Amino acid sequence: MDLKMRLDILKEAGQLSEENYINIFKIIEVVESEYNTHLTEENGSMFVTHMVMALSRIERDEAVSPMDEFLIEEIVKNENYEKARVIIKKIEEIIEETLPDNEVPFIGMHLCTLFSK
C-alpha cells in the first residue's frame, strides 16, 4: 500500500475530511520539498497516520494525552528537532491554526524519526 492509498482508505472510512485530505497532501509536499525527503509507506506512514489523527482530533476539538516530560526532553535534544520545528510551523500555516500543545511533541517525534532515516 502506498501513502495515497492509505489516505484514500481513511477518507472513505470517514476518518479524514476532504479539507484534511487536501491538507495532508500539502504537508507531505512541504516535507518533501523543504528537506528533499520523499515520503513513502515505509518511512512516512507513522508520521502521516499521526497527522491524520491529529487533524481529526483538532476538527472534533478533542485532545490527545500529553507526552511524558522525559520523552519531550529527549525529542528536543534530537539533532533533527530544529528541522521538525520548521515543518511544524509550516503545518500550522497550512491548517491556518496553531497546533495544540500536546500534539506538537508527537509530531516532532515522528518528524525527527523520519529525518534520521
C-alpha atoms as a PDB file:
ATOM      1  CA  MET A   1       0.000   0.000   0.000  1.00  0.00           C
ATOM      2  CA  ASP A   2       1.290   3.493  -0.747  1.00  0.00           C
ATOM      3  CA  LEU A   3       0.538   6.670   1.193  1.00  0.00           C
ATOM      4  CA  LYS A   4      -2.106   7.887  -1.264  1.00  0.00           C
ATOM      5  CA  MET A   5      -3.951   4.588  -0.976  1.00  0.00           C
ATOM      6  CA  ARG A   6      -3.731   4.789   2.833  1.00  0.00           C
ATOM      7  CA  LEU A   7      -5.190   8.306   2.749  1.00  0.00           C
ATOM      8  CA  ASP A   8      -7.912   7.304   0.287  1.00  0.00           C
ATOM      9  CA  ILE A   9      -8.961   4.445   2.590  1.00  0.00           C
ATOM     10  CA  LEU A  10      -9.004   6.735   5.644  1.00  0.00           C
ATOM     11  CA  LYS A  11     -11.057   9.298   3.733  1.00  0.00           C
ATOM     12  CA  GLU A  12     -13.540   6.673   2.504  1.00  0.00           C
ATOM     13  CA  ALA A  13     -13.837   5.308   6.055  1.00  0.00           C
ATOM     14  CA  GLY A  14     -14.785   8.753   7.345  1.00  0.00           C
ATOM     15  CA  GLN A  15     -11.563   9.157   9.342  1.00  0.00           C
ATOM     16  CA  LEU A  16     -10.365  12.041   7.158  1.00  0.00           C
ATOM     17  CA  SER A  17     -12.408  15.007   5.950  1.00  0.00           C
ATOM     18  CA  GLU A  18     -11.967  16.410   2.457  1.00  0.00           C
ATOM     19  CA  GLU A  19     -10.262  19.519   3.867  1.00  0.00           C
ATOM     20  CA  ASN A  20      -7.810  17.469   5.903  1.00  0.00           C
ATOM     21  CA  TYR A  21      -7.246  15.100   2.972  1.00  0.00           C
ATOM     22  CA  ILE A  22      -6.071  18.094   0.932  1.00  0.00           C
ATOM     23  CA  ASN A  23      -4.048  19.459   3.865  1.00  0.00           C
ATOM     24  CA  ILE A  24      -2.227  16.148   4.374  1.00  0.00           C
ATOM     25  CA  PHE A  25      -1.040  16.227   0.769  1.00  0.00           C
ATOM     26  CA  LYS A  26       0.131  19.825   1.264  1.00  0.00           C
ATOM     27  CA  ILE A  27       2.026  18.734   4.393  1.00  0.00           C
ATOM     28  CA  ILE A  28       3.632  15.845   2.507  1.00  0.00           C
ATOM     29  CA  GLU A  29       4.658  18.264  -0.237  1.00  0.00           C
ATOM     30  CA  VAL A  30       6.257  20.634   2.297  1.00  0.00           C
ATOM     31  CA  VAL A  31       8.261  17.829   3.927  1.00  0.00           C
ATOM     32  CA  GLU A  32       9.408  16.559   0.543  1.00  0.00           C
ATOM     33  CA  SER A  33      10.342  19.963  -0.880  1.00  0.00           C
ATOM     34  CA  GLU A  34      11.743  21.545   2.286  1.00  0.00           C
ATOM     35  CA  TYR A  35      14.120  18.705   3.134  1.00  0.00           C
ATOM     36  CA  ASN A  36      14.237  16.713  -0.086  1.00  0.00           C
ATOM     37  CA  THR A  37      12.773  13.737   1.763  1.00  0.00           C
ATOM     38  CA  HIS A  38      10.445  11.594  -0.324  1.00  0.00           C
ATOM     39  CA  LEU A  39       7.717  10.139   1.873  1.00  0.00           C
ATOM     40  CA  THR A  40       6.835   6.520   1.303  1.00  0.00           C
ATOM     41  CA  GLU A  41       4.755   3.977   3.154  1.00  0.00           C
ATOM     42  CA  GLU A  42       7.965   2.674   4.698  1.00  0.00           C
ATOM     43  CA  ASN A  43       9.431   5.919   6.001  1.00  0.00           C
ATOM     44  CA  GLY A  44       6.381   8.156   6.358  1.00  0.00           C
ATOM     45  CA  SER A  45       3.376   6.057   7.337  1.00  0.00           C
ATOM     46  CA  MET A  46       3.708   6.726  11.075  1.00  0.00           C
ATOM     47  CA  PHE A  47       4.031  10.488  10.550  1.00  0.00           C
ATOM     48  CA  VAL A  48       1.205  10.667   8.016  1.00  0.00           C
ATOM     49  CA  THR A  49      -1.118   8.484  10.097  1.00  0.00           C
ATOM     50  CA  HIS A  50      -0.437  10.604  13.182  1.00  0.00           C
ATOM     51  CA  MET A  51      -1.167  13.772  11.188  1.00  0.00           C
ATOM     52  CA  VAL A  52      -4.481  12.299  10.001  1.00  0.00           C
ATOM     53  CA  MET A  53      -5.474  11.517  13.566  1.00  0.00           C
ATOM     54  CA  ALA A  54      -4.202  14.862  14.895  1.00  0.00           C
ATOM     55  CA  LEU A  55      -6.123  16.857  12.291  1.00  0.00           C
ATOM     56  CA  SER A  56      -9.237  14.805  13.007  1.00  0.00           C
ATOM     57  CA  ARG A  57      -8.871  15.458  16.748  1.00  0.00           C
ATOM     58  CA  ILE A  58      -8.442  19.174  16.073  1.00  0.00           C
ATOM     59  CA  GLU A  59     -11.558  19.154  13.903  1.00  0.00           C
ATOM     60  CA  ARG A  60     -13.559  17.467  16.693  1.00  0.00           C
ATOM     61  CA  ASP A  61     -11.979  19.676  19.369  1.00  0.00           C
ATOM     62  CA  GLU A  62     -10.552  16.614  21.148  1.00  0.00           C
ATOM     63  CA  ALA A  63      -7.233  16.496  22.947  1.00  0.00           C
ATOM     64  CA  VAL A  64      -4.502  13.894  22.954  1.00  0.00           C
ATOM     65  CA  SER A  65      -2.999  12.934  26.307  1.00  0.00           C
ATOM     66  CA  PRO A  66       0.265  14.755  26.981  1.00  0.00           C
ATOM     67  CA  MET A  67       3.560  13.059  26.297  1.00  0.00           C
ATOM     68  CA  ASP A  68       5.797  12.228  29.245  1.00  0.00           C
ATOM     69  CA  GLU A  69       8.169  15.130  30.040  1.00  0.00           C
ATOM     70  CA  PHE A  70      11.219  12.861  29.847  1.00  0.00           C
ATOM     71  CA  LEU A  71      10.327  11.921  26.264  1.00  0.00           C
ATOM     72  CA  ILE A  72       9.750  15.552  25.324  1.00  0.00           C
ATOM     73  CA  GLU A  73      13.212  16.433  26.653  1.00  0.00           C
ATOM     74  CA  GLU A  74      14.727  13.659  24.525  1.00  0.00           C
ATOM     75  CA  ILE A  75      12.921  14.853  21.400  1.00  0.00           C
ATOM     76  CA  VAL A  76      14.052  18.450  21.924  1.00  0.00           C
ATOM     77  CA  LYS A  77      17.667  17.215  22.169  1.00  0.00           C
ATOM     78  CA  ASN A  78      17.405  15.311  18.884  1.00  0.00           C
ATOM     79  CA  GLU A  79      19.684  16.591  16.119  1.00  0.00           C
ATOM     80  CA  ASN A  80      16.682  16.855  13.775  1.00  0.00           C
ATOM     81  CA  TYR A  81      14.431  18.765  16.146  1.00  0.00           C
ATOM     82  CA  GLU A  82      15.028  22.168  14.532  1.00  0.00           C
ATOM     83  CA  LYS A  83      14.038  20.736  11.147  1.00  0.00           C
ATOM     84  CA  ALA A  84      10.933  19.329  12.794  1.00  0.00           C
ATOM     85  CA  ARG A  85      10.071  22.738  14.298  1.00  0.00           C
ATOM     86  CA  VAL A  86      10.269  24.331  10.831  1.00  0.00           C
ATOM     87  CA  ILE A  87       7.837  21.751   9.466  1.00  0.00           C
ATOM     88  CA  ILE A  88       5.526  22.154  12.468  1.00  0.00           C
ATOM     89  CA  LYS A  89       5.312  25.901  11.771  1.00  0.00           C
ATOM     90  CA  LYS A  90       4.548  25.180   8.119  1.00  0.00           C
ATOM     91  CA  ILE A  91       1.839  22.700   9.159  1.00  0.00           C
ATOM     92  CA  GLU A  92       0.265  25.464  11.234  1.00  0.00           C
ATOM     93  CA  GLU A  93       0.334  27.727   8.178  1.00  0.00           C
ATOM     94  CA  ILE A  94      -1.328  25.043   6.069  1.00  0.00           C
ATOM     95  CA  ILE A  95      -4.114  24.335   8.559  1.00  0.00           C
ATOM     96  CA  GLU A  96      -4.344  28.033   9.443  1.00  0.00           C
ATOM     97  CA  GLU A  97      -4.251  27.488  13.189  1.00  0.00           C
ATOM     98  CA  THR A  98      -1.828  26.735  15.990  1.00  0.00           C
ATOM     99  CA  LEU A  99      -1.382  23.067  16.778  1.00  0.00           C
ATOM    100  CA  PRO A 100      -2.457  22.081  20.293  1.00  0.00           C
ATOM    101  CA  ASP A 101       0.468  21.934  22.713  1.00  0.00           C
ATOM    102  CA  ASN A 102       0.014  18.208  23.353  1.00  0.00           C
ATOM    103  CA  GLU A 103       0.175  17.372  19.622  1.00  0.00           C
ATOM    104  CA  VAL A 104       3.478  19.142  18.956  1.00  0.00           C
ATOM    105  CA  PRO A 105       5.830  16.666  20.709  1.00  0.00           C
ATOM    106  CA  PHE A 106       4.237  13.701  18.941  1.00  0.00           C
ATOM    107  CA  ILE A 107       4.535  15.369  15.539  1.00  0.00           C
ATOM    108  CA  GLY A 108       8.099  16.409  16.384  1.00  0.00           C
ATOM    109  CA  MET A 109       8.952  12.832  17.353  1.00  0.00           C
ATOM    110  CA  HIS A 110       7.643  11.443  14.074  1.00  0.00           C
ATOM    111  CA  LEU A 111       9.498  14.088  12.072  1.00  0.00           C
ATOM    112  CA  CYS A 112      12.771  13.501  13.951  1.00  0.00           C
ATOM    113  CA  THR A 113      12.420   9.784  13.235  1.00  0.00           C
ATOM    114  CA  LEU A 114      11.686  10.495   9.580  1.00  0.00           C
ATOM    115  CA  PHE A 115      14.695  12.787   9.195  1.00  0.00           C
ATOM    116  CA  SER A 116      17.008  10.314  10.888  1.00  0.00           C
ATOM    117  CA  LYS A 117      16.310   7.625   8.263  1.00  0.00           C
END
